[in-house]
Amino acid sequence: MLGNVASAKCLLNLNSRKKGRDDSFTLDGSITVGFNQIKLPRIGWIKTYEILPDNVTPKSVTISKKAGRWFLSFKIERESQITEKSVDVVGVDLGVKSLATLSTGEVFEGAKPYKKVRI
């Protein structure tokens, strides 16, 4: 939700032809992120409710109006994080003679059916 976007939209002259249906516009360029505010080109600093993490760089911002309220949506780029392998992977082969055989060579035998005893 935004405070001064309504005045900014009039300032930017971005009124759409479809009044009320698609009230939104996108801003690209140098976007600066503060603690709980964002600086948009040609608009200035706008206070936000959500805080963006430090390792995130916003590429563009779409400002839209839904149900009489203004909203921001970010297109962000963040650095990829390399994750370490935490668990070794084992392959499982389901068979006919044995229930399962692991890629490590361990074999699991299935339950053998009992023959009926005739009296």
N, C-alpha and C. Protein backbone atom coordinates (compact mmCIF):
# COMPACT_ATOMS: atom_id res chain seq x y z
N MET A 1 0.84 -1.16 0.00
CA MET A 1 0.00 0.00 0.00
C MET A 1 0.89 1.23 0.00
N LEU A 2 0.51 2.24 -0.72
CA LEU A 2 1.37 3.39 -0.92
C LEU A 2 0.70 4.67 -0.48
N GLY A 3 1.53 5.65 -0.14
CA GLY A 3 1.01 6.92 0.32
C GLY A 3 0.85 7.95 -0.77
N ASN A 4 1.93 8.26 -1.50
CA ASN A 4 1.89 9.37 -2.44
C ASN A 4 1.88 8.93 -3.89
N VAL A 5 1.42 7.72 -4.19
CA VAL A 5 1.40 7.24 -5.57
C VAL A 5 0.25 7.88 -6.35
N ALA A 6 -0.84 8.19 -5.69
CA ALA A 6 -1.97 8.81 -6.39
C ALA A 6 -1.55 10.14 -6.99
N SER A 7 -0.81 10.92 -6.24
CA SER A 7 -0.33 12.19 -6.78
C SER A 7 0.76 11.96 -7.81
N ALA A 8 1.55 10.88 -7.64
CA ALA A 8 2.62 10.58 -8.59
C ALA A 8 2.05 10.17 -9.93
N LYS A 9 0.92 9.46 -9.94
CA LYS A 9 0.33 9.03 -11.20
C LYS A 9 -0.13 10.24 -12.00
N CYS A 10 -0.70 11.22 -11.34
CA CYS A 10 -1.11 12.44 -12.03
C CYS A 10 0.11 13.20 -12.52
N LEU A 11 1.17 13.17 -11.74
CA LEU A 11 2.41 13.85 -12.12
C LEU A 11 3.02 13.22 -13.37
N LEU A 12 2.97 11.88 -13.45
CA LEU A 12 3.58 11.18 -14.56
C LEU A 12 2.70 11.14 -15.79
N ASN A 13 1.44 11.49 -15.66
CA ASN A 13 0.47 11.48 -16.76
C ASN A 13 0.37 10.08 -17.37
N LEU A 14 0.13 9.09 -16.51
CA LEU A 14 0.04 7.70 -16.96
C LEU A 14 -1.39 7.18 -16.85
N ASN A 15 -2.36 7.99 -17.13
CA ASN A 15 -3.75 7.56 -17.07
C ASN A 15 -4.03 6.59 -18.22
N SER A 16 -4.70 5.50 -17.90
CA SER A 16 -4.98 4.50 -18.92
C SER A 16 -6.32 4.81 -19.59
N ARG A 17 -6.51 4.23 -20.77
CA ARG A 17 -7.77 4.41 -21.50
C ARG A 17 -8.89 3.62 -20.84
N LYS A 18 -8.54 2.48 -20.26
CA LYS A 18 -9.53 1.63 -19.62
C LYS A 18 -9.62 2.03 -18.15
N LYS A 19 -10.31 3.07 -17.87
CA LYS A 19 -10.38 3.62 -16.53
C LYS A 19 -11.01 2.62 -15.57
N GLY A 20 -10.30 2.31 -14.50
CA GLY A 20 -10.82 1.42 -13.47
C GLY A 20 -10.54 -0.05 -13.70
N ARG A 21 -10.25 -0.46 -14.92
CA ARG A 21 -9.99 -1.87 -15.18
C ARG A 21 -8.54 -2.24 -15.00
N ASP A 22 -7.65 -1.43 -15.51
CA ASP A 22 -6.24 -1.78 -15.50
C ASP A 22 -5.43 -0.55 -15.09
N ASP A 23 -5.62 -0.10 -13.86
CA ASP A 23 -4.88 1.06 -13.37
C ASP A 23 -3.54 0.60 -12.84
N SER A 24 -2.54 0.51 -13.71
CA SER A 24 -1.20 0.12 -13.29
C SER A 24 -0.18 0.67 -14.26
N PHE A 25 1.04 0.83 -13.77
CA PHE A 25 2.14 1.24 -14.62
C PHE A 25 3.43 0.68 -14.05
N THR A 26 4.44 0.55 -14.91
CA THR A 26 5.71 -0.05 -14.53
C THR A 26 6.81 0.98 -14.64
N LEU A 27 7.70 0.97 -13.66
CA LEU A 27 8.86 1.86 -13.66
C LEU A 27 10.12 1.02 -13.66
N ASP A 28 11.02 1.31 -14.58
CA ASP A 28 12.32 0.65 -14.65
C ASP A 28 13.39 1.69 -14.34
N GLY A 29 14.58 1.22 -14.11
CA GLY A 29 15.68 2.15 -13.92
C GLY A 29 16.31 2.03 -12.55
N SER A 30 16.85 3.13 -12.08
CA SER A 30 17.57 3.12 -10.81
C SER A 30 16.58 3.14 -9.66
N ILE A 31 16.39 1.98 -9.07
CA ILE A 31 15.47 1.82 -7.95
C ILE A 31 16.32 1.55 -6.72
N THR A 32 16.16 2.38 -5.69
CA THR A 32 16.93 2.26 -4.46
C THR A 32 16.02 1.73 -3.36
N VAL A 33 16.54 0.77 -2.59
CA VAL A 33 15.76 0.17 -1.52
C VAL A 33 16.34 0.61 -0.19
N GLY A 34 15.48 1.12 0.71
CA GLY A 34 15.87 1.46 2.06
C GLY A 34 15.36 0.40 3.02
N PHE A 35 15.28 0.74 4.30
CA PHE A 35 14.83 -0.23 5.31
C PHE A 35 13.38 -0.64 5.06
N ASN A 36 12.47 0.29 5.11
CA ASN A 36 11.07 -0.01 4.81
C ASN A 36 10.51 1.00 3.81
N GLN A 37 11.38 1.45 2.92
CA GLN A 37 10.95 2.39 1.89
C GLN A 37 11.73 2.12 0.61
N ILE A 38 11.21 2.63 -0.49
CA ILE A 38 11.83 2.42 -1.79
C ILE A 38 11.80 3.75 -2.54
N LYS A 39 12.88 4.03 -3.26
CA LYS A 39 12.97 5.26 -4.05
C LYS A 39 12.77 4.90 -5.51
N LEU A 40 11.70 5.45 -6.09
CA LEU A 40 11.38 5.19 -7.48
C LEU A 40 11.77 6.38 -8.33
N PRO A 41 12.21 6.15 -9.57
CA PRO A 41 12.56 7.28 -10.43
C PRO A 41 11.34 8.13 -10.73
N ARG A 42 11.49 9.43 -10.72
CA ARG A 42 10.48 10.45 -11.00
C ARG A 42 9.37 10.53 -9.96
N ILE A 43 9.39 9.67 -8.93
CA ILE A 43 8.36 9.73 -7.89
C ILE A 43 8.98 10.12 -6.56
N GLY A 44 10.06 9.45 -6.17
CA GLY A 44 10.71 9.73 -4.91
C GLY A 44 10.56 8.56 -3.94
N TRP A 45 10.77 8.84 -2.66
CA TRP A 45 10.71 7.82 -1.63
C TRP A 45 9.27 7.48 -1.29
N ILE A 46 8.96 6.17 -1.22
CA ILE A 46 7.64 5.68 -0.87
C ILE A 46 7.81 4.67 0.26
N LYS A 47 7.00 4.82 1.31
CA LYS A 47 7.06 3.91 2.45
C LYS A 47 6.33 2.62 2.11
N THR A 48 6.92 1.48 2.48
CA THR A 48 6.32 0.17 2.22
C THR A 48 6.10 -0.56 3.55
N TYR A 49 5.26 -1.58 3.52
CA TYR A 49 5.01 -2.37 4.71
C TYR A 49 5.97 -3.54 4.82
N GLU A 50 6.40 -4.09 3.70
CA GLU A 50 7.33 -5.21 3.72
C GLU A 50 8.75 -4.71 3.57
N ILE A 51 9.69 -5.44 4.15
CA ILE A 51 11.09 -5.08 4.09
C ILE A 51 11.78 -6.05 3.13
N LEU A 52 12.47 -5.51 2.13
CA LEU A 52 13.22 -6.35 1.20
C LEU A 52 14.55 -6.75 1.82
N PRO A 53 15.01 -7.98 1.60
CA PRO A 53 16.31 -8.40 2.11
C PRO A 53 17.44 -7.59 1.47
N ASP A 54 18.62 -7.63 2.09
CA ASP A 54 19.75 -6.85 1.61
C ASP A 54 20.34 -7.40 0.32
N ASN A 55 20.27 -8.72 0.09
CA ASN A 55 20.89 -9.32 -1.09
C ASN A 55 20.00 -9.29 -2.32
N VAL A 56 18.97 -8.45 -2.32
CA VAL A 56 18.01 -8.38 -3.42
C VAL A 56 18.15 -7.05 -4.14
N THR A 57 18.18 -7.10 -5.49
CA THR A 57 18.22 -5.89 -6.30
C THR A 57 16.95 -5.83 -7.14
N PRO A 58 16.07 -4.84 -6.91
CA PRO A 58 14.87 -4.75 -7.74
C PRO A 58 15.19 -4.21 -9.13
N LYS A 59 14.69 -4.88 -10.16
CA LYS A 59 14.92 -4.46 -11.54
C LYS A 59 13.83 -3.54 -12.04
N SER A 60 12.59 -3.83 -11.69
CA SER A 60 11.47 -2.97 -12.06
C SER A 60 10.39 -3.08 -11.00
N VAL A 61 9.53 -2.07 -10.98
CA VAL A 61 8.44 -2.02 -10.01
C VAL A 61 7.15 -1.74 -10.77
N THR A 62 6.12 -2.52 -10.50
CA THR A 62 4.80 -2.28 -11.07
C THR A 62 3.90 -1.73 -9.97
N ILE A 63 3.31 -0.58 -10.23
CA ILE A 63 2.41 0.05 -9.28
C ILE A 63 1.00 -0.12 -9.83
N SER A 64 0.12 -0.73 -9.05
CA SER A 64 -1.24 -1.01 -9.52
C SER A 64 -2.26 -0.58 -8.48
N LYS A 65 -3.46 -0.33 -8.96
CA LYS A 65 -4.56 0.06 -8.09
C LYS A 65 -5.63 -1.01 -8.17
N LYS A 66 -5.93 -1.62 -7.02
CA LYS A 66 -6.97 -2.63 -6.94
C LYS A 66 -7.86 -2.30 -5.76
N ALA A 67 -9.14 -2.26 -6.00
CA ALA A 67 -10.15 -1.99 -4.97
C ALA A 67 -9.88 -0.68 -4.25
N GLY A 68 -9.43 0.32 -4.99
CA GLY A 68 -9.21 1.63 -4.41
C GLY A 68 -7.93 1.79 -3.63
N ARG A 69 -7.07 0.77 -3.62
CA ARG A 69 -5.81 0.82 -2.88
C ARG A 69 -4.66 0.60 -3.85
N TRP A 70 -3.51 1.22 -3.58
CA TRP A 70 -2.33 1.13 -4.42
C TRP A 70 -1.39 0.07 -3.88
N PHE A 71 -0.81 -0.73 -4.79
CA PHE A 71 0.09 -1.82 -4.41
C PHE A 71 1.35 -1.77 -5.27
N LEU A 72 2.46 -2.26 -4.69
CA LEU A 72 3.74 -2.40 -5.40
C LEU A 72 4.02 -3.87 -5.62
N SER A 73 4.54 -4.22 -6.78
CA SER A 73 5.07 -5.56 -7.00
C SER A 73 6.44 -5.41 -7.63
N PHE A 74 7.39 -6.17 -7.12
CA PHE A 74 8.78 -6.05 -7.52
C PHE A 74 9.18 -7.16 -8.46
N LYS A 75 10.02 -6.84 -9.42
CA LYS A 75 10.73 -7.84 -10.21
C LYS A 75 12.16 -7.77 -9.70
N ILE A 76 12.61 -8.83 -9.02
CA ILE A 76 13.89 -8.76 -8.32
C ILE A 76 14.90 -9.71 -8.92
N GLU A 77 16.15 -9.41 -8.65
CA GLU A 77 17.26 -10.29 -9.01
C GLU A 77 18.09 -10.47 -7.75
N ARG A 78 18.36 -11.73 -7.42
CA ARG A 78 19.17 -11.97 -6.23
C ARG A 78 20.30 -12.92 -6.57
N GLU A 79 21.32 -12.87 -5.75
CA GLU A 79 22.48 -13.71 -5.98
C GLU A 79 22.12 -15.16 -5.65
N SER A 80 22.62 -16.07 -6.48
CA SER A 80 22.34 -17.48 -6.23
C SER A 80 23.22 -17.97 -5.09
N GLN A 81 22.65 -18.84 -4.29
CA GLN A 81 23.37 -19.39 -3.15
C GLN A 81 23.71 -20.83 -3.45
N ILE A 82 24.96 -21.20 -3.21
CA ILE A 82 25.40 -22.57 -3.43
C ILE A 82 25.08 -23.37 -2.18
N THR A 83 24.32 -24.43 -2.35
CA THR A 83 23.96 -25.27 -1.21
C THR A 83 24.86 -26.49 -1.19
N GLU A 84 25.20 -26.90 0.01
CA GLU A 84 26.05 -28.08 0.16
C GLU A 84 25.19 -29.33 0.16
N LYS A 85 25.80 -30.41 -0.27
CA LYS A 85 25.12 -31.69 -0.30
C LYS A 85 24.99 -32.18 1.13
N SER A 86 23.77 -32.40 1.59
CA SER A 86 23.58 -32.79 2.99
C SER A 86 23.40 -34.30 3.16
N VAL A 87 22.83 -34.98 2.16
CA VAL A 87 22.56 -36.41 2.28
C VAL A 87 23.04 -37.09 1.00
N ASP A 88 23.69 -38.26 1.17
CA ASP A 88 24.10 -39.03 0.00
C ASP A 88 22.87 -39.64 -0.67
N VAL A 89 22.94 -39.80 -1.97
CA VAL A 89 21.82 -40.34 -2.74
C VAL A 89 22.06 -41.82 -2.99
N VAL A 90 21.00 -42.61 -2.87
CA VAL A 90 21.07 -44.05 -3.09
C VAL A 90 19.99 -44.42 -4.09
N GLY A 91 20.36 -45.22 -5.09
CA GLY A 91 19.40 -45.70 -6.06
C GLY A 91 18.76 -47.00 -5.59
N VAL A 92 17.48 -47.20 -5.93
CA VAL A 92 16.75 -48.39 -5.52
C VAL A 92 16.25 -49.10 -6.77
N ASP A 93 16.51 -50.42 -6.83
CA ASP A 93 16.05 -51.24 -7.95
C ASP A 93 15.08 -52.27 -7.39
N LEU A 94 13.82 -52.19 -7.82
CA LEU A 94 12.83 -53.17 -7.38
C LEU A 94 12.92 -54.39 -8.29
N GLY A 95 13.01 -55.56 -7.68
CA GLY A 95 13.23 -56.76 -8.47
C GLY A 95 12.19 -57.82 -8.27
N VAL A 96 12.41 -58.96 -8.97
CA VAL A 96 11.49 -60.09 -8.90
C VAL A 96 11.95 -61.07 -7.83
N LYS A 97 13.25 -61.42 -7.81
CA LYS A 97 13.78 -62.37 -6.82
C LYS A 97 13.87 -61.74 -5.44
N SER A 98 14.35 -60.53 -5.38
CA SER A 98 14.43 -59.83 -4.09
C SER A 98 13.54 -58.59 -4.17
N LEU A 99 13.10 -58.13 -3.00
CA LEU A 99 12.20 -56.99 -2.96
C LEU A 99 12.86 -55.74 -3.53
N ALA A 100 14.06 -55.42 -3.04
CA ALA A 100 14.76 -54.23 -3.49
C ALA A 100 16.25 -54.43 -3.35
N THR A 101 17.00 -53.81 -4.27
CA THR A 101 18.45 -53.81 -4.21
C THR A 101 18.92 -52.36 -4.32
N LEU A 102 19.76 -51.94 -3.38
CA LEU A 102 20.28 -50.58 -3.39
C LEU A 102 21.51 -50.48 -4.26
N SER A 103 21.86 -49.29 -4.67
CA SER A 103 23.05 -49.09 -5.50
C SER A 103 24.32 -49.33 -4.70
N THR A 104 24.23 -49.39 -3.38
CA THR A 104 25.39 -49.70 -2.55
C THR A 104 25.63 -51.20 -2.48
N GLY A 105 24.70 -52.02 -2.98
CA GLY A 105 24.84 -53.46 -2.99
C GLY A 105 24.00 -54.15 -1.92
N GLU A 106 23.36 -53.43 -1.06
CA GLU A 106 22.54 -54.01 -0.01
C GLU A 106 21.25 -54.56 -0.62
N VAL A 107 20.89 -55.79 -0.23
CA VAL A 107 19.72 -56.47 -0.79
C VAL A 107 18.68 -56.64 0.31
N PHE A 108 17.42 -56.32 0.00
CA PHE A 108 16.30 -56.53 0.91
C PHE A 108 15.43 -57.63 0.35
N GLU A 109 15.25 -58.70 1.16
CA GLU A 109 14.42 -59.82 0.74
C GLU A 109 12.97 -59.54 1.10
N GLY A 110 12.07 -59.94 0.24
CA GLY A 110 10.65 -59.76 0.49
C GLY A 110 10.10 -60.88 1.35
N ALA A 111 8.88 -60.77 1.80
CA ALA A 111 8.23 -61.81 2.60
C ALA A 111 7.90 -62.98 1.70
N LYS A 112 8.28 -64.18 2.13
CA LYS A 112 8.02 -65.39 1.34
C LYS A 112 6.63 -65.93 1.69
N PRO A 113 5.87 -66.29 0.68
CA PRO A 113 4.54 -66.82 0.98
C PRO A 113 4.65 -68.24 1.56
N TYR A 114 3.78 -68.55 2.50
CA TYR A 114 3.76 -69.88 3.11
C TYR A 114 2.87 -70.80 2.27
N LYS A 115 3.32 -72.06 2.15
CA LYS A 115 2.51 -73.05 1.44
C LYS A 115 1.43 -73.56 2.39
N LYS A 116 0.25 -73.77 1.86
CA LYS A 116 -0.83 -74.29 2.68
C LYS A 116 -0.57 -75.77 2.96
N VAL A 117 -0.79 -76.13 4.18
CA VAL A 117 -0.61 -77.52 4.57
C VAL A 117 -1.96 -78.22 4.44
N ARG A 118 -1.95 -79.34 3.68
CA ARG A 118 -3.19 -80.09 3.51
C ARG A 118 -3.27 -81.16 4.58
N ILE A 119 -4.38 -81.24 5.18
CA ILE A 119 -4.55 -82.25 6.21
C ILE A 119 -5.26 -83.45 5.64
